Amino acid sequence: MPLEDAFSNFTRRDWERESVAGTVRVAVVGIGGFARQRALPAIADGDYCETTVLVTGSPDGVADVAEEYGVDTVVDYEAFLAGESRDAYDAVYVATPNAFHGRYATAAADFGKHVICEKPLETTAERARAVVDVCADAGVTLMTAYRLQTEPTVRRTRELVRDGVIGDVVQVHGGFSHPLLEHASPNTWRLDPDLAGGGALVDLGVYPLNTIRFILECEPTDVFATTHSSGGPFATVDEHVAFQLEYETDATASCTASFDAHARSILELVGTEGMIDIESPFGGVVPQEIVVESGDMRMEYTGPRIDEVCEEFDYFGYCVLTGTDPEPDGEDGLADLRAIEAAYESAETGRQVDLE
């Protein structure tokens, strides 16, 4: 691919290969901050999904949300698990704390409903395996909600790498820091290892981990990690993490994540013939700024901002309506959990851990 053609039709949905009619009716399970602020607006703005059911522990507390989005059916968790109102939805979006993902995903699969589940898919690889198997046995679509896999900047970067624009990728640098306690209480479930399954690595480090796997289209073979916590609210989880991955292609990736540092995210790929730098890829709204160097050429692109959450739900809906297997499926989520568990083992033992 000539570099000057790399940004042609930058925001195209290369996965949208046929026109489809209809929408997927979605039950949103867990009406927390992300569901209210990002998921529900994205579903409303998209083409292929619509919210028809809200599932929450406090139905009276989401009356305003139901009214805003025109949702007629609101049930509590027990009613959902009992199968009430299951004729009102075709799929579920699971946005509960991590430890409950499997409970609601497998219940939905048992009802014959498709599933899009927030990352991580579960708190352990073993529990994630159970989710994958139940959905496979039920014949329903399971998608892990890796929204960056549908984000145009990340998809164009994968194409550039695939086409050899920067040669062979040698090094990748990824980082994501977010000052958690500026936006959440010290009692947040994200600091409870039983509910979250870990700390900064699980909540933030999974973004570079998965995005790099997606772009390189290969799996890590080894991981070495270190973690640090200062105590206090972070006493039982990793406040900071650094991890290095080696890949099947002999590329290496150096990644960091932090719950207690200035908000920042980076992704840089260095190849034998060039480099790609994405500005702020993991912070929630990608600014569509990318720099590519290839040989003696350098190009910068800044395009219109795209709501990657809207892209994610449209991609999921499209996959369900067309019978297409999503790329960020259950196996994708399971692979990341295996790498996460290996990273924690490495941090505990001080040794590099083999993932093969």
Foldseek 3Di string as FASTA:
>chain_A
DPPVCLCPVLLDQPVCDDDFDAAFEEEEEECDDCCQPAQQVLQVPFDHYAYAEYEAQDQVVCPVVCVVRVHDYYYYPVCVLVPPPVVRGQAYEYDDQQQCLLVNLLSCLVVLHAYEYEPLSHLFLVSLVVSQVSNVVSVHAFFYQLLLLLGSVLVSLLVCQVVQQQNDWAEKEKEWEAQQVVPDPLPDCQLPCNRHNAHFCRPPVLNVVLSVCSSVVWAFFKKAKAFDDPDDSNNPHGQKMWMKTATPSRHIYTYIYGNRDDGAIWIKIHGPFWIKTFGRSRPQWGQQWMWIDGHPDIDIDGDHTDRSSSSSSNSVSVCRRVVNHDPRGSVSSSSSSLVVVQHVVNNVVVDMDTSD
